[in-house]
Amino acid sequence: MNKTELINAITQSTDLNKTEAGQAMQGFLESVTGSLARGEKISLTGFGTFTVVNRAERCCRNPQNGKKMTIAARKAVKFRPGKKLTEAVS
């Protein structure tokens, strides 16, 4: 499912039209992105939790030429699914 299909699903399950659902989706995505950029944790009960984690610098080998290389330390987003989401998928 892509963003357009998700907006269509929202319009079918709510009283929102496509424009309103699109604006709500955009607002949600901007809020989540902004919160994670500030290092905040986002918990959606039953759905899951988004957190920012620090990945340490590490060494690896380039599979194309076999040379060792270093991957710099970075931040990454981690998602841990909630109980209801896990049960729905199982």
PDB file of N, CA and C in Angstrom:
ATOM      1  N   MET A   1       0.857  -1.178   0.000  1.00  0.00           N
ATOM      2  CA  MET A   1       0.000   0.000   0.000  1.00  0.00           C
ATOM      3  C   MET A   1       0.898   1.235   0.000  1.00  0.00           C
ATOM      4  N   ASN A   2       0.617   2.155  -0.896  1.00  0.00           N
ATOM      5  CA  ASN A   2       1.380   3.398  -0.927  1.00  0.00           C
ATOM      6  C   ASN A   2       0.570   4.523  -0.273  1.00  0.00           C
ATOM      7  N   LYS A   3       1.123   5.731  -0.286  1.00  0.00           N
ATOM      8  CA  LYS A   3       0.488   6.863   0.385  1.00  0.00           C
ATOM      9  C   LYS A   3      -0.898   7.157  -0.186  1.00  0.00           C
ATOM     10  N   THR A   4      -1.048   7.135  -1.500  1.00  0.00           N
ATOM     11  CA  THR A   4      -2.340   7.411  -2.138  1.00  0.00           C
ATOM     12  C   THR A   4      -3.375   6.365  -1.744  1.00  0.00           C
ATOM     13  N   GLU A   5      -2.988   5.111  -1.745  1.00  0.00           N
ATOM     14  CA  GLU A   5      -3.905   4.038  -1.354  1.00  0.00           C
ATOM     15  C   GLU A   5      -4.288   4.163   0.115  1.00  0.00           C
ATOM     16  N   LEU A   6      -3.352   4.584   0.954  1.00  0.00           N
ATOM     17  CA  LEU A   6      -3.649   4.776   2.372  1.00  0.00           C
ATOM     18  C   LEU A   6      -4.633   5.928   2.563  1.00  0.00           C
ATOM     19  N   ILE A   7      -4.460   6.998   1.829  1.00  0.00           N
ATOM     20  CA  ILE A   7      -5.397   8.127   1.900  1.00  0.00           C
ATOM     21  C   ILE A   7      -6.785   7.682   1.453  1.00  0.00           C
ATOM     22  N   ASN A   8      -6.873   6.891   0.394  1.00  0.00           N
ATOM     23  CA  ASN A   8      -8.169   6.368  -0.058  1.00  0.00           C
ATOM     24  C   ASN A   8      -8.810   5.488   1.012  1.00  0.00           C
ATOM     25  N   ALA A   9      -8.017   4.674   1.697  1.00  0.00           N
ATOM     26  CA  ALA A   9      -8.542   3.823   2.768  1.00  0.00           C
ATOM     27  C   ALA A   9      -9.063   4.675   3.925  1.00  0.00           C
ATOM     28  N   ILE A  10      -8.376   5.763   4.228  1.00  0.00           N
ATOM     29  CA  ILE A  10      -8.820   6.663   5.297  1.00  0.00           C
ATOM     30  C   ILE A  10     -10.149   7.307   4.927  1.00  0.00           C
ATOM     31  N   THR A  11     -10.311   7.721   3.662  1.00  0.00           N
ATOM     32  CA  THR A  11     -11.574   8.345   3.244  1.00  0.00           C
ATOM     33  C   THR A  11     -12.738   7.367   3.338  1.00  0.00           C
ATOM     34  N   GLN A  12     -12.476   6.090   3.106  1.00  0.00           N
ATOM     35  CA  GLN A  12     -13.540   5.085   3.175  1.00  0.00           C
ATOM     36  C   GLN A  12     -13.927   4.746   4.611  1.00  0.00           C
ATOM     37  N   SER A  13     -12.987   4.884   5.554  1.00  0.00           N
ATOM     38  CA  SER A  13     -13.283   4.501   6.934  1.00  0.00           C
ATOM     39  C   SER A  13     -13.616   5.695   7.828  1.00  0.00           C
ATOM     40  N   THR A  14     -13.583   6.916   7.279  1.00  0.00           N
ATOM     41  CA  THR A  14     -13.906   8.112   8.061  1.00  0.00           C
ATOM     42  C   THR A  14     -14.841   9.011   7.258  1.00  0.00           C
ATOM     43  N   ASP A  15     -15.198  10.139   7.850  1.00  0.00           N
ATOM     44  CA  ASP A  15     -16.039  11.131   7.173  1.00  0.00           C
ATOM     45  C   ASP A  15     -15.205  12.177   6.436  1.00  0.00           C
ATOM     46  N   LEU A  16     -13.913  11.939   6.282  1.00  0.00           N
ATOM     47  CA  LEU A  16     -13.033  12.898   5.614  1.00  0.00           C
ATOM     48  C   LEU A  16     -13.055  12.699   4.104  1.00  0.00           C
ATOM     49  N   ASN A  17     -12.937  13.812   3.366  1.00  0.00           N
ATOM     50  CA  ASN A  17     -12.782  13.678   1.919  1.00  0.00           C
ATOM     51  C   ASN A  17     -11.292  13.488   1.618  1.00  0.00           C
ATOM     52  N   LYS A  18     -10.954  13.302   0.336  1.00  0.00           N
ATOM     53  CA  LYS A  18      -9.557  13.022  -0.026  1.00  0.00           C
ATOM     54  C   LYS A  18      -8.615  14.158   0.361  1.00  0.00           C
ATOM     55  N   THR A  19      -9.054  15.383   0.176  1.00  0.00           N
ATOM     56  CA  THR A  19      -8.206  16.533   0.513  1.00  0.00           C
ATOM     57  C   THR A  19      -7.922  16.573   2.003  1.00  0.00           C
ATOM     58  N   GLU A  20      -8.971  16.412   2.805  1.00  0.00           N
ATOM     59  CA  GLU A  20      -8.800  16.433   4.261  1.00  0.00           C
ATOM     60  C   GLU A  20      -7.946  15.264   4.735  1.00  0.00           C
ATOM     61  N   ALA A  21      -8.177  14.091   4.180  1.00  0.00           N
ATOM     62  CA  ALA A  21      -7.386  12.915   4.554  1.00  0.00           C
ATOM     63  C   ALA A  21      -5.923  13.104   4.161  1.00  0.00           C
ATOM     64  N   GLY A  22      -5.689  13.696   2.996  1.00  0.00           N
ATOM     65  CA  GLY A  22      -4.323  13.973   2.551  1.00  0.00           C
ATOM     66  C   GLY A  22      -3.625  14.964   3.464  1.00  0.00           C
ATOM     67  N   GLN A  23      -4.353  15.997   3.891  1.00  0.00           N
ATOM     68  CA  GLN A  23      -3.788  16.986   4.807  1.00  0.00           C
ATOM     69  C   GLN A  23      -3.496  16.357   6.167  1.00  0.00           C
ATOM     70  N   ALA A  24      -4.400  15.499   6.635  1.00  0.00           N
ATOM     71  CA  ALA A  24      -4.183  14.812   7.908  1.00  0.00           C
ATOM     72  C   ALA A  24      -2.960  13.903   7.822  1.00  0.00           C
ATOM     73  N   MET A  25      -2.828  13.189   6.715  1.00  0.00           N
ATOM     74  CA  MET A  25      -1.682  12.303   6.515  1.00  0.00           C
ATOM     75  C   MET A  25      -0.387  13.107   6.481  1.00  0.00           C
ATOM     76  N   GLN A  26      -0.393  14.218   5.747  1.00  0.00           N
ATOM     77  CA  GLN A  26       0.806  15.058   5.650  1.00  0.00           C
ATOM     78  C   GLN A  26       1.172  15.629   7.017  1.00  0.00           C
ATOM     79  N   GLY A  27       0.173  16.069   7.771  1.00  0.00           N
ATOM     80  CA  GLY A  27       0.413  16.584   9.121  1.00  0.00           C
ATOM     81  C   GLY A  27       0.986  15.523  10.038  1.00  0.00           C
ATOM     82  N   PHE A  28       0.462  14.314   9.941  1.00  0.00           N
ATOM     83  CA  PHE A  28       0.966  13.198  10.746  1.00  0.00           C
ATOM     84  C   PHE A  28       2.426  12.919  10.410  1.00  0.00           C
ATOM     85  N   LEU A  29       2.733  12.818   9.118  1.00  0.00           N
ATOM     86  CA  LEU A  29       4.106  12.519   8.697  1.00  0.00           C
ATOM     87  C   LEU A  29       5.081  13.614   9.120  1.00  0.00           C
ATOM     88  N   GLU A  30       4.673  14.878   8.998  1.00  0.00           N
ATOM     89  CA  GLU A  30       5.534  15.986   9.415  1.00  0.00           C
ATOM     90  C   GLU A  30       5.759  15.971  10.921  1.00  0.00           C
ATOM     91  N   SER A  31       4.722  15.661  11.693  1.00  0.00           N
ATOM     92  CA  SER A  31       4.848  15.604  13.147  1.00  0.00           C
ATOM     93  C   SER A  31       5.774  14.477  13.579  1.00  0.00           C
ATOM     94  N   VAL A  32       5.615  13.308  12.973  1.00  0.00           N
ATOM     95  CA  VAL A  32       6.474  12.165  13.299  1.00  0.00           C
ATOM     96  C   VAL A  32       7.919  12.470  12.926  1.00  0.00           C
ATOM     97  N   THR A  33       8.128  13.001  11.730  1.00  0.00           N
ATOM     98  CA  THR A  33       9.480  13.330  11.269  1.00  0.00           C
ATOM     99  C   THR A  33      10.135  14.359  12.184  1.00  0.00           C
ATOM    100  N   GLY A  34       9.404  15.403  12.534  1.00  0.00           N
ATOM    101  CA  GLY A  34       9.942  16.443  13.412  1.00  0.00           C
ATOM    102  C   GLY A  34      10.293  15.919  14.791  1.00  0.00           C
ATOM    103  N   SER A  35       9.418  15.105  15.357  1.00  0.00           N
ATOM    104  CA  SER A  35       9.671  14.543  16.683  1.00  0.00           C
ATOM    105  C   SER A  35      10.898  13.641  16.678  1.00  0.00           C
ATOM    106  N   LEU A  36      11.009  12.794  15.666  1.00  0.00           N
ATOM    107  CA  LEU A  36      12.164  11.900  15.584  1.00  0.00           C
ATOM    108  C   LEU A  36      13.446  12.689  15.334  1.00  0.00           C
ATOM    109  N   ALA A  37      13.380  13.755  14.549  1.00  0.00           N
ATOM    110  CA  ALA A  37      14.559  14.591  14.294  1.00  0.00           C
ATOM    111  C   ALA A  37      15.056  15.244  15.582  1.00  0.00           C
ATOM    112  N   ARG A  38      14.141  15.516  16.520  1.00  0.00           N
ATOM    113  CA  ARG A  38      14.515  16.083  17.817  1.00  0.00           C
ATOM    114  C   ARG A  38      14.928  15.005  18.811  1.00  0.00           C
ATOM    115  N   GLY A  39      14.881  13.746  18.400  1.00  0.00           N
ATOM    116  CA  GLY A  39      15.290  12.646  19.270  1.00  0.00           C
ATOM    117  C   GLY A  39      14.197  12.156  20.201  1.00  0.00           C
ATOM    118  N   GLU A  40      12.975  12.562  19.953  1.00  0.00           N
ATOM    119  CA  GLU A  40      11.860  12.152  20.806  1.00  0.00           C
ATOM    120  C   GLU A  40      11.351  10.768  20.419  1.00  0.00           C
ATOM    121  N   LYS A  41      10.768  10.084  21.391  1.00  0.00           N
ATOM    122  CA  LYS A  41      10.178   8.761  21.172  1.00  0.00           C
ATOM    123  C   LYS A  41       8.692   8.950  20.889  1.00  0.00           C
ATOM    124  N   ILE A  42       8.156   8.178  19.953  1.00  0.00           N
ATOM    125  CA  ILE A  42       6.735   8.254  19.614  1.00  0.00           C
ATOM    126  C   ILE A  42       6.100   6.903  19.911  1.00  0.00           C
ATOM    127  N   SER A  43       5.153   6.889  20.841  1.00  0.00           N
ATOM    128  CA  SER A  43       4.455   5.657  21.206  1.00  0.00           C
ATOM    129  C   SER A  43       3.002   5.753  20.786  1.00  0.00           C
ATOM    130  N   LEU A  44       2.568   4.827  19.949  1.00  0.00           N
ATOM    131  CA  LEU A  44       1.173   4.731  19.527  1.00  0.00           C
ATOM    132  C   LEU A  44       0.644   3.420  20.096  1.00  0.00           C
ATOM    133  N   THR A  45      -0.090   3.512  21.197  1.00  0.00           N
ATOM    134  CA  THR A  45      -0.547   2.338  21.924  1.00  0.00           C
ATOM    135  C   THR A  45      -1.254   1.356  21.004  1.00  0.00           C
ATOM    136  N   GLY A  46      -0.815   0.109  21.066  1.00  0.00           N
ATOM    137  CA  GLY A  46      -1.389  -0.950  20.253  1.00  0.00           C
ATOM    138  C   GLY A  46      -0.757  -1.065  18.879  1.00  0.00           C
ATOM    139  N   PHE A  47      -0.216   0.035  18.360  1.00  0.00           N
ATOM    140  CA  PHE A  47       0.402   0.019  17.029  1.00  0.00           C
ATOM    141  C   PHE A  47       1.904  -0.213  17.123  1.00  0.00           C
ATOM    142  N   GLY A  48       2.591   0.630  17.888  1.00  0.00           N
ATOM    143  CA  GLY A  48       4.029   0.451  18.027  1.00  0.00           C
ATOM    144  C   GLY A  48       4.722   1.707  18.500  1.00  0.00           C
ATOM    145  N   THR A  49       6.053   1.621  18.581  1.00  0.00           N
ATOM    146  CA  THR A  49       6.874   2.714  19.073  1.00  0.00           C
ATOM    147  C   THR A  49       8.013   3.000  18.108  1.00  0.00           C
ATOM    148  N   PHE A  50       8.178   4.278  17.787  1.00  0.00           N
ATOM    149  CA  PHE A  50       9.295   4.734  16.965  1.00  0.00           C
ATOM    150  C   PHE A  50      10.322   5.371  17.891  1.00  0.00           C
ATOM    151  N   THR A  51      11.587   4.989  17.764  1.00  0.00           N
ATOM    152  CA  THR A  51      12.659   5.595  18.539  1.00  0.00           C
ATOM    153  C   THR A  51      13.851   5.868  17.631  1.00  0.00           C
ATOM    154  N   VAL A  52      14.710   6.776  18.077  1.00  0.00           N
ATOM    155  CA  VAL A  52      15.954   7.061  17.369  1.00  0.00           C
ATOM    156  C   VAL A  52      17.071   6.356  18.129  1.00  0.00           C
ATOM    157  N   VAL A  53      17.879   5.589  17.412  1.00  0.00           N
ATOM    158  CA  VAL A  53      19.000   4.871  18.019  1.00  0.00           C
ATOM    159  C   VAL A  53      20.297   5.317  17.353  1.00  0.00           C
ATOM    160  N   ASN A  54      21.378   5.241  18.109  1.00  0.00           N
ATOM    161  CA  ASN A  54      22.699   5.574  17.579  1.00  0.00           C
ATOM    162  C   ASN A  54      23.384   4.303  17.114  1.00  0.00           C
ATOM    163  N   ARG A  55      23.810   4.287  15.877  1.00  0.00           N
ATOM    164  CA  ARG A  55      24.554   3.159  15.320  1.00  0.00           C
ATOM    165  C   ARG A  55      26.037   3.504  15.395  1.00  0.00           C
ATOM    166  N   ALA A  56      26.824   2.623  15.967  1.00  0.00           N
ATOM    167  CA  ALA A  56      28.257   2.855  16.125  1.00  0.00           C
ATOM    168  C   ALA A  56      28.986   2.715  14.792  1.00  0.00           C
ATOM    169  N   GLU A  57      30.154   3.344  14.725  1.00  0.00           N
ATOM    170  CA  GLU A  57      31.009   3.181  13.555  1.00  0.00           C
ATOM    171  C   GLU A  57      31.440   1.718  13.487  1.00  0.00           C
ATOM    172  N   ARG A  58      31.518   1.177  12.274  1.00  0.00           N
ATOM    173  CA  ARG A  58      31.914  -0.224  12.153  1.00  0.00           C
ATOM    174  C   ARG A  58      32.690  -0.455  10.864  1.00  0.00           C
ATOM    175  N   CYS A  59      33.452  -1.522  10.879  1.00  0.00           N
ATOM    176  CA  CYS A  59      34.231  -1.908   9.700  1.00  0.00           C
ATOM    177  C   CYS A  59      33.469  -2.974   8.929  1.00  0.00           C
ATOM    178  N   CYS A  60      33.633  -2.970   7.636  1.00  0.00           N
ATOM    179  CA  CYS A  60      33.013  -3.985   6.796  1.00  0.00           C
ATOM    180  C   CYS A  60      33.885  -4.194   5.570  1.00  0.00           C
ATOM    181  N   ARG A  61      33.469  -5.100   4.728  1.00  0.00           N
ATOM    182  CA  ARG A  61      34.222  -5.391   3.511  1.00  0.00           C
ATOM    183  C   ARG A  61      33.314  -5.137   2.310  1.00  0.00           C
ATOM    184  N   ASN A  62      33.836  -4.434   1.322  1.00  0.00           N
ATOM    185  CA  ASN A  62      33.097  -4.165   0.094  1.00  0.00           C
ATOM    186  C   ASN A  62      33.022  -5.472  -0.699  1.00  0.00           C
ATOM    187  N   PRO A  63      31.822  -6.009  -0.951  1.00  0.00           N
ATOM    188  CA  PRO A  63      31.715  -7.295  -1.647  1.00  0.00           C
ATOM    189  C   PRO A  63      32.161  -7.245  -3.114  1.00  0.00           C
ATOM    190  N   GLN A  64      32.200  -6.059  -3.707  1.00  0.00           N
ATOM    191  CA  GLN A  64      32.599  -5.947  -5.111  1.00  0.00           C
ATOM    192  C   GLN A  64      34.107  -6.056  -5.310  1.00  0.00           C
ATOM    193  N   ASN A  65      34.870  -5.496  -4.353  1.00  0.00           N
ATOM    194  CA  ASN A  65      36.321  -5.527  -4.536  1.00  0.00           C
ATOM    195  C   ASN A  65      37.085  -6.122  -3.356  1.00  0.00           C
ATOM    196  N   GLY A  66      36.394  -6.486  -2.287  1.00  0.00           N
ATOM    197  CA  GLY A  66      37.025  -7.130  -1.145  1.00  0.00           C
ATOM    198  C   GLY A  66      37.779  -6.195  -0.219  1.00  0.00           C
ATOM    199  N   LYS A  67      37.797  -4.896  -0.488  1.00  0.00           N
ATOM    200  CA  LYS A  67      38.533  -3.946   0.350  1.00  0.00           C
ATOM    201  C   LYS A  67      37.758  -3.642   1.628  1.00  0.00           C
ATOM    202  N   LYS A  68      38.529  -3.451   2.726  1.00  0.00           N
ATOM    203  CA  LYS A  68      37.909  -3.060   3.986  1.00  0.00           C
ATOM    204  C   LYS A  68      37.521  -1.593   3.907  1.00  0.00           C
ATOM    205  N   MET A  69      36.397  -1.282   4.522  1.00  0.00           N
ATOM    206  CA  MET A  69      35.943   0.104   4.574  1.00  0.00           C
ATOM    207  C   MET A  69      35.255   0.342   5.906  1.00  0.00           C
ATOM    208  N   THR A  70      35.109   1.594   6.274  1.00  0.00           N
ATOM    209  CA  THR A  70      34.484   1.966   7.536  1.00  0.00           C
ATOM    210  C   THR A  70      33.157   2.651   7.258  1.00  0.00           C
ATOM    211  N   ILE A  71      32.145   2.214   7.974  1.00  0.00           N
ATOM    212  CA  ILE A  71      30.839   2.865   7.901  1.00  0.00           C
ATOM    213  C   ILE A  71      30.758   3.801   9.101  1.00  0.00           C
ATOM    214  N   ALA A  72      30.521   5.072   8.860  1.00  0.00           N
ATOM    215  CA  ALA A  72      30.502   6.087   9.912  1.00  0.00           C
ATOM    216  C   ALA A  72      29.343   5.865  10.883  1.00  0.00           C
ATOM    217  N   ALA A  73      29.528   6.368  12.105  1.00  0.00           N
ATOM    218  CA  ALA A  73      28.456   6.337  13.094  1.00  0.00           C
ATOM    219  C   ALA A  73      27.300   7.179  12.569  1.00  0.00           C
ATOM    220  N   ARG A  74      26.079   6.769  12.908  1.00  0.00           N
ATOM    221  CA  ARG A  74      24.909   7.495  12.419  1.00  0.00           C
ATOM    222  C   ARG A  74      23.723   7.236  13.331  1.00  0.00           C
ATOM    223  N   LYS A  75      22.685   7.998  13.118  1.00  0.00           N
ATOM    224  CA  LYS A  75      21.426   7.779  13.822  1.00  0.00           C
ATOM    225  C   LYS A  75      20.483   7.054  12.878  1.00  0.00           C
ATOM    226  N   ALA A  76      19.628   6.211  13.446  1.00  0.00           N
ATOM    227  CA  ALA A  76      18.660   5.466  12.646  1.00  0.00           C
ATOM    228  C   ALA A  76      17.332   5.421  13.398  1.00  0.00           C
ATOM    229  N   VAL A  77      16.260   5.213  12.667  1.00  0.00           N
ATOM    230  CA  VAL A  77      14.935   5.083  13.268  1.00  0.00           C
ATOM    231  C   VAL A  77      14.649   3.604  13.473  1.00  0.00           C
ATOM    232  N   LYS A  78      14.172   3.283  14.671  1.00  0.00           N
ATOM    233  CA  LYS A  78      13.822   1.902  14.999  1.00  0.00           C
ATOM    234  C   LYS A  78      12.324   1.864  15.287  1.00  0.00           C
ATOM    235  N   PHE A  79      11.654   0.836  14.783  1.00  0.00           N
ATOM    236  CA  PHE A  79      10.225   0.657  15.041  1.00  0.00           C
ATOM    237  C   PHE A  79      10.022  -0.669  15.741  1.00  0.00           C
ATOM    238  N   ARG A  80       9.313  -0.625  16.852  1.00  0.00           N
ATOM    239  CA  ARG A  80       8.970  -1.846  17.571  1.00  0.00           C
ATOM    240  C   ARG A  80       7.452  -1.974  17.540  1.00  0.00           C
ATOM    241  N   PRO A  81       6.934  -3.014  16.869  1.00  0.00           N
ATOM    242  CA  PRO A  81       5.477  -3.150  16.761  1.00  0.00           C
ATOM    243  C   PRO A  81       4.826  -3.435  18.110  1.00  0.00           C
ATOM    244  N   GLY A  82       3.604  -2.917  18.266  1.00  0.00           N
ATOM    245  CA  GLY A  82       2.838  -3.146  19.476  1.00  0.00           C
ATOM    246  C   GLY A  82       2.138  -4.499  19.442  1.00  0.00           C
ATOM    247  N   LYS A  83       1.543  -4.848  20.561  1.00  0.00           N
ATOM    248  CA  LYS A  83       0.902  -6.157  20.705  1.00  0.00           C
ATOM    249  C   LYS A  83      -0.249  -6.343  19.711  1.00  0.00           C
ATOM    250  N   LYS A  84      -1.117  -5.348  19.576  1.00  0.00           N
ATOM    251  CA  LYS A  84      -2.270  -5.479  18.673  1.00  0.00           C
ATOM    252  C   LYS A  84      -1.825  -5.632  17.225  1.00  0.00           C
ATOM    253  N   LEU A  85      -0.812  -4.882  16.812  1.00  0.00           N
ATOM    254  CA  LEU A  85      -0.304  -4.988  15.445  1.00  0.00           C
ATOM    255  C   LEU A  85       0.315  -6.360  15.213  1.00  0.00           C
ATOM    256  N   THR A  86       1.087  -6.824  16.168  1.00  0.00           N
ATOM    257  CA  THR A  86       1.712  -8.144  16.052  1.00  0.00           C
ATOM    258  C   THR A  86       0.662  -9.239  15.952  1.00  0.00           C
ATOM    259  N   GLU A  87      -0.385  -9.147  16.773  1.00  0.00           N
ATOM    260  CA  GLU A  87      -1.455 -10.151  16.742  1.00  0.00           C
ATOM    261  C   GLU A  87      -2.230 -10.098  15.426  1.00  0.00           C
ATOM    262  N   ALA A  88      -2.456  -8.902  14.892  1.00  0.00           N
ATOM    263  CA  ALA A  88      -3.202  -8.764  13.639  1.00  0.00           C
ATOM    264  C   ALA A  88      -2.437  -9.365  12.465  1.00  0.00           C
ATOM    265  N   VAL A  89      -1.124  -9.277  12.496  1.00  0.00           N
ATOM    266  CA  VAL A  89      -0.302  -9.795  11.409  1.00  0.00           C
ATOM    267  C   VAL A  89      -0.126 -11.308  11.521  1.00  0.00           C
ATOM    268  N   SER A  90      -0.105 -11.817  12.745  1.00  0.00           N
ATOM    269  CA  SER A  90       0.135 -13.261  12.959  1.00  0.00           C
ATOM    270  C   SER A  90      -1.002 -14.114  12.464  1.00  0.00           C
TER     271      SER A  90
END
